[in-house]
Amino acid sequence: GCNGCIGMGQAPATHENSLRTTPRNFPGRSGTREDRVFLCSPETAT
């Protein structure tokens, strides 16, 4: 399912870097207001 991509679980810790293969990293979209989400490939995330 979509899950953490739209903030449904798997929210990152405050101010901690999260690398995701999701399409968007708008502020707070992850479910954490003060998030730091990077978008990348599966190779980079792994």
All heavy atoms as atom14 arrays in JSON, in Angstrom:
{
  "sequence": "GCNGCIGMGQAPATHENSLRTTPRNFPGRSGTREDRVFLCSPETAT",
  "atom14_mask": [
    [1, 1, 1, 1, 0, 0, 0, 0, 0, 0, 0, 0, 0, 0],
    [1, 1, 1, 1, 1, 1, 0, 0, 0, 0, 0, 0, 0, 0],
    [1, 1, 1, 1, 1, 1, 1, 1, 0, 0, 0, 0, 0, 0],
    [1, 1, 1, 1, 0, 0, 0, 0, 0, 0, 0, 0, 0, 0],
    [1, 1, 1, 1, 1, 1, 0, 0, 0, 0, 0, 0, 0, 0],
    [1, 1, 1, 1, 1, 1, 1, 1, 0, 0, 0, 0, 0, 0],
    [1, 1, 1, 1, 0, 0, 0, 0, 0, 0, 0, 0, 0, 0],
    [1, 1, 1, 1, 1, 1, 1, 1, 0, 0, 0, 0, 0, 0],
    [1, 1, 1, 1, 0, 0, 0, 0, 0, 0, 0, 0, 0, 0],
    [1, 1, 1, 1, 1, 1, 1, 1, 1, 0, 0, 0, 0, 0],
    [1, 1, 1, 1, 1, 0, 0, 0, 0, 0, 0, 0, 0, 0],
    [1, 1, 1, 1, 1, 1, 1, 0, 0, 0, 0, 0, 0, 0],
    [1, 1, 1, 1, 1, 0, 0, 0, 0, 0, 0, 0, 0, 0],
    [1, 1, 1, 1, 1, 1, 1, 0, 0, 0, 0, 0, 0, 0],
    [1, 1, 1, 1, 1, 1, 1, 1, 1, 1, 0, 0, 0, 0],
    [1, 1, 1, 1, 1, 1, 1, 1, 1, 0, 0, 0, 0, 0],
    [1, 1, 1, 1, 1, 1, 1, 1, 0, 0, 0, 0, 0, 0],
    [1, 1, 1, 1, 1, 1, 0, 0, 0, 0, 0, 0, 0, 0],
    [1, 1, 1, 1, 1, 1, 1, 1, 0, 0, 0, 0, 0, 0],
    [1, 1, 1, 1, 1, 1, 1, 1, 1, 1, 1, 0, 0, 0],
    [1, 1, 1, 1, 1, 1, 1, 0, 0, 0, 0, 0, 0, 0],
    [1, 1, 1, 1, 1, 1, 1, 0, 0, 0, 0, 0, 0, 0],
    [1, 1, 1, 1, 1, 1, 1, 0, 0, 0, 0, 0, 0, 0],
    [1, 1, 1, 1, 1, 1, 1, 1, 1, 1, 1, 0, 0, 0],
    [1, 1, 1, 1, 1, 1, 1, 1, 0, 0, 0, 0, 0, 0],
    [1, 1, 1, 1, 1, 1, 1, 1, 1, 1, 1, 0, 0, 0],
    [1, 1, 1, 1, 1, 1, 1, 0, 0, 0, 0, 0, 0, 0],
    [1, 1, 1, 1, 0, 0, 0, 0, 0, 0, 0, 0, 0, 0],
    [1, 1, 1, 1, 1, 1, 1, 1, 1, 1, 1, 0, 0, 0],
    [1, 1, 1, 1, 1, 1, 0, 0, 0, 0, 0, 0, 0, 0],
    [1, 1, 1, 1, 0, 0, 0, 0, 0, 0, 0, 0, 0, 0],
    [1, 1, 1, 1, 1, 1, 1, 0, 0, 0, 0, 0, 0, 0],
    [1, 1, 1, 1, 1, 1, 1, 1, 1, 1, 1, 0, 0, 0],
    [1, 1, 1, 1, 1, 1, 1, 1, 1, 0, 0, 0, 0, 0],
    [1, 1, 1, 1, 1, 1, 1, 1, 0, 0, 0, 0, 0, 0],
    [1, 1, 1, 1, 1, 1, 1, 1, 1, 1, 1, 0, 0, 0],
    [1, 1, 1, 1, 1, 1, 1, 0, 0, 0, 0, 0, 0, 0],
    [1, 1, 1, 1, 1, 1, 1, 1, 1, 1, 1, 0, 0, 0],
    [1, 1, 1, 1, 1, 1, 1, 1, 0, 0, 0, 0, 0, 0],
    [1, 1, 1, 1, 1, 1, 0, 0, 0, 0, 0, 0, 0, 0],
    [1, 1, 1, 1, 1, 1, 0, 0, 0, 0, 0, 0, 0, 0],
    [1, 1, 1, 1, 1, 1, 1, 0, 0, 0, 0, 0, 0, 0],
    [1, 1, 1, 1, 1, 1, 1, 1, 1, 0, 0, 0, 0, 0],
    [1, 1, 1, 1, 1, 1, 1, 0, 0, 0, 0, 0, 0, 0],
    [1, 1, 1, 1, 1, 0, 0, 0, 0, 0, 0, 0, 0, 0],
    [1, 1, 1, 1, 1, 1, 1, 0, 0, 0, 0, 0, 0, 0]
  ],
  "atom14_positions": [
    [[0.83, -1.2, 0.0], [0.0, 0.0, 0.0], [0.86, 1.24, 0.0], [2.09, 1.18, -0.05], [0.0, 0.0, 0.0], [0.0, 0.0, 0.0], [0.0, 0.0, 0.0], [0.0, 0.0, 0.0], [0.0, 0.0, 0.0], [0.0, 0.0, 0.0], [0.0, 0.0, 0.0], [0.0, 0.0, 0.0], [0.0, 0.0, 0.0], [0.0, 0.0, 0.0]],
    [[0.2, 2.38, 0.07], [0.91, 3.67, 0.02], [1.67, 3.96, 1.31], [2.76, 4.53, 1.29], [-0.08, 4.8, -0.25], [-0.91, 4.66, -1.84], [0.0, 0.0, 0.0], [0.0, 0.0, 0.0], [0.0, 0.0, 0.0], [0.0, 0.0, 0.0], [0.0, 0.0, 0.0], [0.0, 0.0, 0.0], [0.0, 0.0, 0.0], [0.0, 0.0, 0.0]],
    [[1.07, 3.66, 2.44], [1.75, 3.7, 3.73], [2.44, 5.04, 4.0], [1.83, 6.09, 3.91], [2.72, 2.52, 3.85], [2.03, 1.18, 3.65], [0.87, 1.03, 4.0], [2.73, 0.22, 3.09], [0.0, 0.0, 0.0], [0.0, 0.0, 0.0], [0.0, 0.0, 0.0], [0.0, 0.0, 0.0], [0.0, 0.0, 0.0], [0.0, 0.0, 0.0]],
    [[3.73, 5.01, 4.31], [4.44, 6.2, 4.74], [4.58, 7.28, 3.69], [4.89, 8.43, 4.03], [0.0, 0.0, 0.0], [0.0, 0.0, 0.0], [0.0, 0.0, 0.0], [0.0, 0.0, 0.0], [0.0, 0.0, 0.0], [0.0, 0.0, 0.0], [0.0, 0.0, 0.0], [0.0, 0.0, 0.0], [0.0, 0.0, 0.0], [0.0, 0.0, 0.0]],
    [[4.35, 6.96, 2.43], [4.44, 7.97, 1.37], [3.49, 9.12, 1.64], [3.8, 10.28, 1.33], [4.15, 7.34, 0.02], [4.12, 8.51, -1.35], [0.0, 0.0, 0.0], [0.0, 0.0, 0.0], [0.0, 0.0, 0.0], [0.0, 0.0, 0.0], [0.0, 0.0, 0.0], [0.0, 0.0, 0.0], [0.0, 0.0, 0.0], [0.0, 0.0, 0.0]],
    [[2.32, 8.8, 2.23], [1.34, 9.84, 2.52], [1.15, 10.02, 4.03], [0.11, 10.47, 4.48], [0.0, 9.56, 1.81], [-0.37, 8.08, 1.92], [0.07, 9.94, 0.36], [-1.55, 7.79, 2.75], [0.0, 0.0, 0.0], [0.0, 0.0, 0.0], [0.0, 0.0, 0.0], [0.0, 0.0, 0.0], [0.0, 0.0, 0.0], [0.0, 0.0, 0.0]],
    [[2.19, 9.66, 4.79], [2.14, 9.88, 6.22], [1.32, 8.88, 6.98], [0.95, 9.13, 8.14], [0.0, 0.0, 0.0], [0.0, 0.0, 0.0], [0.0, 0.0, 0.0], [0.0, 0.0, 0.0], [0.0, 0.0, 0.0], [0.0, 0.0, 0.0], [0.0, 0.0, 0.0], [0.0, 0.0, 0.0], [0.0, 0.0, 0.0], [0.0, 0.0, 0.0]],
    [[1.03, 7.72, 6.39], [0.28, 6.67, 7.07], [1.27, 5.67, 7.67], [1.52, 4.59, 7.14], [-0.65, 5.96, 6.08], [-1.91, 6.73, 5.81], [-2.98, 6.7, 7.27], [-4.33, 7.71, 6.69], [0.0, 0.0, 0.0], [0.0, 0.0, 0.0], [0.0, 0.0, 0.0], [0.0, 0.0, 0.0], [0.0, 0.0, 0.0], [0.0, 0.0, 0.0]],
    [[1.85, 6.04, 8.8], [2.84, 5.2, 9.44], [4.25, 5.49, 8.93], [4.44, 6.23, 7.97], [0.0, 0.0, 0.0], [0.0, 0.0, 0.0], [0.0, 0.0, 0.0], [0.0, 0.0, 0.0], [0.0, 0.0, 0.0], [0.0, 0.0, 0.0], [0.0, 0.0, 0.0], [0.0, 0.0, 0.0], [0.0, 0.0, 0.0], [0.0, 0.0, 0.0]],
    [[5.24, 4.92, 9.61], [6.65, 5.04, 9.23], [7.14, 6.49, 9.22], [8.04, 6.85, 8.46], [6.92, 4.38, 7.88], [6.51, 2.92, 7.84], [6.34, 2.39, 6.44], [7.31, 2.28, 5.7], [5.12, 2.05, 6.07], [0.0, 0.0, 0.0], [0.0, 0.0, 0.0], [0.0, 0.0, 0.0], [0.0, 0.0, 0.0], [0.0, 0.0, 0.0]],
    [[6.54, 7.32, 10.04], [6.99, 8.71, 10.12], [8.41, 8.75, 10.67], [8.74, 8.01, 11.59], [6.05, 9.51, 11.02], [0.0, 0.0, 0.0], [0.0, 0.0, 0.0], [0.0, 0.0, 0.0], [0.0, 0.0, 0.0], [0.0, 0.0, 0.0], [0.0, 0.0, 0.0], [0.0, 0.0, 0.0], [0.0, 0.0, 0.0], [0.0, 0.0, 0.0]],
    [[9.25, 9.61, 10.12], [10.64, 9.69, 10.6], [10.73, 10.48, 11.9], [9.8, 11.23, 12.26], [11.35, 10.42, 9.46], [10.29, 11.27, 8.84], [9.01, 10.49, 8.97], [0.0, 0.0, 0.0], [0.0, 0.0, 0.0], [0.0, 0.0, 0.0], [0.0, 0.0, 0.0], [0.0, 0.0, 0.0], [0.0, 0.0, 0.0], [0.0, 0.0, 0.0]],
    [[11.84, 10.35, 12.58], [12.07, 11.11, 13.8], [12.28, 12.59, 13.46], [12.71, 12.94, 12.36], [13.28, 10.56, 14.54], [0.0, 0.0, 0.0], [0.0, 0.0, 0.0], [0.0, 0.0, 0.0], [0.0, 0.0, 0.0], [0.0, 0.0, 0.0], [0.0, 0.0, 0.0], [0.0, 0.0, 0.0], [0.0, 0.0, 0.0], [0.0, 0.0, 0.0]],
    [[12.0, 13.45, 14.42], [12.12, 14.89, 14.23], [13.54, 15.28, 13.84], [14.51, 14.87, 14.5], [11.72, 15.62, 15.53], [10.39, 15.25, 15.88], [11.8, 17.13, 15.35], [0.0, 0.0, 0.0], [0.0, 0.0, 0.0], [0.0, 0.0, 0.0], [0.0, 0.0, 0.0], [0.0, 0.0, 0.0], [0.0, 0.0, 0.0], [0.0, 0.0, 0.0]],
    [[13.64, 16.05, 12.76], [14.91, 16.61, 12.28], [15.92, 15.55, 11.82], [17.07, 15.88, 11.56], [15.57, 17.5, 13.35], [14.75, 18.67, 13.77], [14.2, 19.56, 12.88], [14.37, 19.1, 15.01], [13.52, 20.49, 13.54], [13.6, 20.23, 14.83], [0.0, 0.0, 0.0], [0.0, 0.0, 0.0], [0.0, 0.0, 0.0], [0.0, 0.0, 0.0]],
    [[15.49, 14.29, 11.72], [16.41, 13.23, 11.27], [16.24, 13.0, 9.77], [15.13, 13.08, 9.24], [16.14, 11.94, 12.03], [16.44, 12.01, 13.52], [17.92, 12.11, 13.81], [18.74, 11.63, 13.0], [18.27, 12.68, 14.87], [0.0, 0.0, 0.0], [0.0, 0.0, 0.0], [0.0, 0.0, 0.0], [0.0, 0.0, 0.0], [0.0, 0.0, 0.0]],
    [[17.33, 12.68, 9.09], [17.3, 12.48, 7.65], [16.65, 11.15, 7.3], [16.99, 10.1, 7.86], [18.71, 12.51, 7.07], [19.33, 13.89, 7.12], [18.61, 14.9, 7.11], [20.64, 13.97, 7.17], [0.0, 0.0, 0.0], [0.0, 0.0, 0.0], [0.0, 0.0, 0.0], [0.0, 0.0, 0.0], [0.0, 0.0, 0.0], [0.0, 0.0, 0.0]],
    [[15.7, 11.2, 6.37], [15.01, 10.02, 5.86], [15.19, 9.97, 4.36], [14.82, 10.92, 3.65], [13.52, 10.08, 6.22], [12.79, 9.06, 5.57], [0.0, 0.0, 0.0], [0.0, 0.0, 0.0], [0.0, 0.0, 0.0], [0.0, 0.0, 0.0], [0.0, 0.0, 0.0], [0.0, 0.0, 0.0], [0.0, 0.0, 0.0], [0.0, 0.0, 0.0]],
    [[15.77, 8.9, 3.83], [15.93, 8.71, 2.39], [14.81, 7.82, 1.89], [14.62, 6.71, 2.41], [17.29, 8.08, 2.06], [18.42, 9.07, 1.76], [18.7, 9.96, 2.95], [19.68, 8.34, 1.32], [0.0, 0.0, 0.0], [0.0, 0.0, 0.0], [0.0, 0.0, 0.0], [0.0, 0.0, 0.0], [0.0, 0.0, 0.0], [0.0, 0.0, 0.0]],
    [[14.06, 8.3, 0.88], [12.87, 7.59, 0.44], [12.81, 7.51, -1.08], [13.24, 8.44, -1.77], [11.61, 8.3, 0.96], [11.53, 8.34, 2.48], [10.23, 8.96, 2.98], [10.06, 8.67, 4.4], [8.9, 8.56, 5.02], [7.78, 8.74, 4.35], [8.85, 8.28, 6.31], [0.0, 0.0, 0.0], [0.0, 0.0, 0.0], [0.0, 0.0, 0.0]],
    [[12.26, 6.42, -1.57], [12.04, 6.27, -3.01], [10.65, 6.75, -3.4], [10.15, 6.41, -4.48], [12.24, 4.81, -3.45], [11.23, 3.99, -2.85], [13.62, 4.3, -3.06], [0.0, 0.0, 0.0], [0.0, 0.0, 0.0], [0.0, 0.0, 0.0], [0.0, 0.0, 0.0], [0.0, 0.0, 0.0], [0.0, 0.0, 0.0], [0.0, 0.0, 0.0]],
    [[10.03, 7.54, -2.55], [8.69, 8.09, -2.8], [8.77, 9.25, -3.79], [9.85, 9.73, -4.11], [8.06, 8.55, -1.48], [8.93, 9.52, -0.88], [7.89, 7.38, -0.51], [0.0, 0.0, 0.0], [0.0, 0.0, 0.0], [0.0, 0.0, 0.0], [0.0, 0.0, 0.0], [0.0, 0.0, 0.0], [0.0, 0.0, 0.0], [0.0, 0.0, 0.0]],
    [[7.61, 9.74, -4.28], [7.65, 10.82, -5.27], [7.73, 12.22, -4.71], [8.05, 13.16, -5.45], [6.34, 10.62, -6.04], [5.42, 9.99, -5.05], [6.27, 9.11, -4.19], [0.0, 0.0, 0.0], [0.0, 0.0, 0.0], [0.0, 0.0, 0.0], [0.0, 0.0, 0.0], [0.0, 0.0, 0.0], [0.0, 0.0, 0.0], [0.0, 0.0, 0.0]],
    [[7.4, 12.41, -3.42], [7.28, 13.77, -2.89], [7.93, 13.88, -1.51], [7.92, 12.92, -0.73], [5.81, 14.2, -2.79], [5.18, 14.36, -4.15], [3.75, 14.86, -4.07], [3.27, 15.06, -5.43], [2.07, 14.72, -5.87], [1.19, 14.18, -5.05], [1.73, 14.93, -7.13], [0.0, 0.0, 0.0], [0.0, 0.0, 0.0], [0.0, 0.0, 0.0]],
    [[8.44, 15.07, -1.24], [9.03, 15.35, 0.07], [8.61, 16.73, 0.57], [9.41, 17.43, 1.18], [10.55, 15.22, 0.02], [11.2, 16.18, -0.98], [10.53, 16.74, -1.85], [12.5, 16.36, -0.86], [0.0, 0.0, 0.0], [0.0, 0.0, 0.0], [0.0, 0.0, 0.0], [0.0, 0.0, 0.0], [0.0, 0.0, 0.0], [0.0, 0.0, 0.0]],
    [[7.36, 17.11, 0.29], [6.86, 18.4, 0.78], [6.92, 18.42, 2.31], [6.81, 17.38, 2.96], [5.43, 18.63, 0.31], [5.27, 18.69, -1.18], [4.21, 18.04, -1.8], [6.18, 19.37, -1.97], [4.05, 18.09, -3.17], [6.02, 19.43, -3.35], [4.97, 18.79, -3.95], [0.0, 0.0, 0.0], [0.0, 0.0, 0.0], [0.0, 0.0, 0.0]],
    [[7.05, 19.59, 2.91], [7.19, 19.68, 4.36], [6.04, 18.99, 5.09], [4.88, 19.25, 4.83], [7.18, 21.19, 4.62], [7.61, 21.82, 3.34], [7.09, 20.93, 2.25], [0.0, 0.0, 0.0], [0.0, 0.0, 0.0], [0.0, 0.0, 0.0], [0.0, 0.0, 0.0], [0.0, 0.0, 0.0], [0.0, 0.0, 0.0], [0.0, 0.0, 0.0]],
    [[6.38, 18.09, 6.0], [5.38, 17.44, 6.83], [4.61, 16.31, 6.18], [3.83, 15.64, 6.84], [0.0, 0.0, 0.0], [0.0, 0.0, 0.0], [0.0, 0.0, 0.0], [0.0, 0.0, 0.0], [0.0, 0.0, 0.0], [0.0, 0.0, 0.0], [0.0, 0.0, 0.0], [0.0, 0.0, 0.0], [0.0, 0.0, 0.0], [0.0, 0.0, 0.0]],
    [[4.81, 16.06, 4.88], [4.05, 15.02, 4.2], [4.3, 13.63, 4.81], [3.43, 12.76, 4.79], [4.39, 15.01, 2.71], [3.66, 13.94, 1.9], [4.04, 14.01, 0.41], [3.57, 12.85, -0.33], [2.4, 12.73, -0.92], [1.52, 13.72, -0.83], [2.07, 11.64, -1.58], [0.0, 0.0, 0.0], [0.0, 0.0, 0.0], [0.0, 0.0, 0.0]],
    [[5.48, 13.44, 5.37], [5.84, 12.14, 5.94], [5.06, 11.8, 7.2], [5.08, 10.66, 7.66], [7.34, 12.13, 6.28], [7.59, 13.05, 7.34], [0.0, 0.0, 0.0], [0.0, 0.0, 0.0], [0.0, 0.0, 0.0], [0.0, 0.0, 0.0], [0.0, 0.0, 0.0], [0.0, 0.0, 0.0], [0.0, 0.0, 0.0], [0.0, 0.0, 0.0]],
    [[4.38, 12.81, 7.78], [3.71, 12.63, 9.05], [4.43, 13.32, 10.19], [3.86, 13.48, 11.28], [0.0, 0.0, 0.0], [0.0, 0.0, 0.0], [0.0, 0.0, 0.0], [0.0, 0.0, 0.0], [0.0, 0.0, 0.0], [0.0, 0.0, 0.0], [0.0, 0.0, 0.0], [0.0, 0.0, 0.0], [0.0, 0.0, 0.0], [0.0, 0.0, 0.0]],
    [[5.67, 13.73, 9.97], [6.45, 14.46, 10.96], [6.56, 15.91, 10.52], [7.04, 16.19, 9.41], [7.86, 13.86, 11.11], [7.74, 12.49, 11.54], [8.7, 14.63, 12.1], [0.0, 0.0, 0.0], [0.0, 0.0, 0.0], [0.0, 0.0, 0.0], [0.0, 0.0, 0.0], [0.0, 0.0, 0.0], [0.0, 0.0, 0.0], [0.0, 0.0, 0.0]],
    [[6.12, 16.83, 11.37], [6.08, 18.23, 10.97], [7.48, 18.75, 10.61], [7.67, 19.4, 9.59], [5.47, 19.06, 12.1], [5.19, 20.51, 11.7], [4.57, 21.3, 12.85], [4.21, 22.65, 12.42], [3.01, 23.0, 11.99], [2.05, 22.11, 11.94], [2.76, 24.24, 11.61], [0.0, 0.0, 0.0], [0.0, 0.0, 0.0], [0.0, 0.0, 0.0]],
    [[8.47, 18.46, 11.43], [9.84, 18.94, 11.18], [10.65, 17.8, 10.58], [11.64, 17.33, 11.14], [10.48, 19.44, 12.48], [9.78, 20.63, 13.11], [8.59, 20.23, 13.97], [8.44, 19.02, 14.24], [7.81, 21.13, 14.35], [0.0, 0.0, 0.0], [0.0, 0.0, 0.0], [0.0, 0.0, 0.0], [0.0, 0.0, 0.0], [0.0, 0.0, 0.0]],
    [[10.22, 17.33, 9.4], [10.92, 16.21, 8.77], [12.05, 16.69, 7.86], [12.15, 17.89, 7.55], [9.96, 15.32, 7.98], [9.2, 16.08, 6.89], [9.53, 17.24, 6.61], [8.26, 15.49, 6.31], [0.0, 0.0, 0.0], [0.0, 0.0, 0.0], [0.0, 0.0, 0.0], [0.0, 0.0, 0.0], [0.0, 0.0, 0.0], [0.0, 0.0, 0.0]],
    [[12.9, 15.76, 7.47], [13.98, 16.01, 6.51], [14.02, 14.82, 5.55], [14.75, 13.85, 5.78], [15.32, 16.21, 7.2], [15.47, 17.56, 7.9], [16.87, 17.75, 8.47], [17.91, 17.49, 7.48], [18.31, 18.35, 6.53], [17.72, 19.54, 6.43], [19.26, 18.02, 5.68], [0.0, 0.0, 0.0], [0.0, 0.0, 0.0], [0.0, 0.0, 0.0]],
    [[13.18, 14.88, 4.51], [13.03, 13.77, 3.59], [13.77, 14.06, 2.29], [13.57, 15.11, 1.66], [11.53, 13.5, 3.31], [11.38, 12.43, 2.22], [10.83, 13.06, 4.59], [0.0, 0.0, 0.0], [0.0, 0.0, 0.0], [0.0, 0.0, 0.0], [0.0, 0.0, 0.0], [0.0, 0.0, 0.0], [0.0, 0.0, 0.0], [0.0, 0.0, 0.0]],
    [[14.62, 13.11, 1.89], [15.31, 13.14, 0.61], [14.66, 12.11, -0.31], [14.2, 11.06, 0.15], [16.79, 12.76, 0.78], [17.62, 13.7, 1.6], [17.52, 13.74, 2.98], [18.55, 14.54, 0.99], [18.3, 14.59, 3.75], [19.34, 15.4, 1.74], [19.22, 15.42, 3.12], [0.0, 0.0, 0.0], [0.0, 0.0, 0.0], [0.0, 0.0, 0.0]],
    [[14.64, 12.39, -1.62], [14.1, 11.46, -2.61], [15.25, 10.89, -3.44], [16.1, 11.65, -3.93], [13.1, 12.16, -3.53], [11.96, 12.9, -2.85], [11.08, 13.58, -3.9], [11.12, 11.95, -1.99], [0.0, 0.0, 0.0], [0.0, 0.0, 0.0], [0.0, 0.0, 0.0], [0.0, 0.0, 0.0], [0.0, 0.0, 0.0], [0.0, 0.0, 0.0]],
    [[15.26, 9.58, -3.63], [16.38, 8.96, -4.33], [15.96, 7.61, -4.9], [14.83, 7.17, -4.75], [17.57, 8.79, -3.38], [17.22, 7.69, -1.98], [0.0, 0.0, 0.0], [0.0, 0.0, 0.0], [0.0, 0.0, 0.0], [0.0, 0.0, 0.0], [0.0, 0.0, 0.0], [0.0, 0.0, 0.0], [0.0, 0.0, 0.0], [0.0, 0.0, 0.0]],
    [[16.9, 6.94, -5.53], [16.66, 5.62, -6.13], [16.76, 4.53, -5.07], [17.32, 4.75, -3.98], [17.7, 5.37, -7.21], [18.99, 5.2, -6.61], [0.0, 0.0, 0.0], [0.0, 0.0, 0.0], [0.0, 0.0, 0.0], [0.0, 0.0, 0.0], [0.0, 0.0, 0.0], [0.0, 0.0, 0.0], [0.0, 0.0, 0.0], [0.0, 0.0, 0.0]],
    [[16.27, 3.32, -5.36], [16.47, 2.2, -4.43], [17.94, 1.9, -4.17], [18.31, 1.51, -3.07], [15.77, 1.03, -5.14], [14.78, 1.67, -6.05], [15.41, 2.95, -6.5], [0.0, 0.0, 0.0], [0.0, 0.0, 0.0], [0.0, 0.0, 0.0], [0.0, 0.0, 0.0], [0.0, 0.0, 0.0], [0.0, 0.0, 0.0], [0.0, 0.0, 0.0]],
    [[18.79, 2.08, -5.2], [20.22, 1.83, -5.02], [20.82, 2.78, -3.98], [21.57, 2.35, -3.09], [20.94, 2.01, -6.36], [20.66, 0.93, -7.38], [19.43, 1.2, -8.25], [18.59, 2.04, -7.87], [19.31, 0.55, -9.3], [0.0, 0.0, 0.0], [0.0, 0.0, 0.0], [0.0, 0.0, 0.0], [0.0, 0.0, 0.0], [0.0, 0.0, 0.0]],
    [[20.47, 4.07, -4.08], [21.0, 5.04, -3.13], [20.45, 4.82, -1.73], [21.18, 4.89, -0.73], [20.69, 6.47, -3.61], [21.34, 6.69, -4.87], [21.17, 7.51, -2.62], [0.0, 0.0, 0.0], [0.0, 0.0, 0.0], [0.0, 0.0, 0.0], [0.0, 0.0, 0.0], [0.0, 0.0, 0.0], [0.0, 0.0, 0.0], [0.0, 0.0, 0.0]],
    [[19.14, 4.54, -1.62], [18.53, 4.3, -0.31], [19.15, 3.08, 0.36], [19.44, 3.1, 1.57], [17.02, 4.13, -0.46], [0.0, 0.0, 0.0], [0.0, 0.0, 0.0], [0.0, 0.0, 0.0], [0.0, 0.0, 0.0], [0.0, 0.0, 0.0], [0.0, 0.0, 0.0], [0.0, 0.0, 0.0], [0.0, 0.0, 0.0], [0.0, 0.0, 0.0]],
    [[19.37, 2.01, -0.4], [19.93, 0.78, 0.18], [21.38, 0.96, 0.59], [21.79, 0.55, 1.69], [19.79, -0.38, -0.82], [18.43, -0.51, -1.23], [20.25, -1.69, -0.2], [0.0, 0.0, 0.0], [0.0, 0.0, 0.0], [0.0, 0.0, 0.0], [0.0, 0.0, 0.0], [0.0, 0.0, 0.0], [0.0, 0.0, 0.0], [0.0, 0.0, 0.0]]
  ]
}
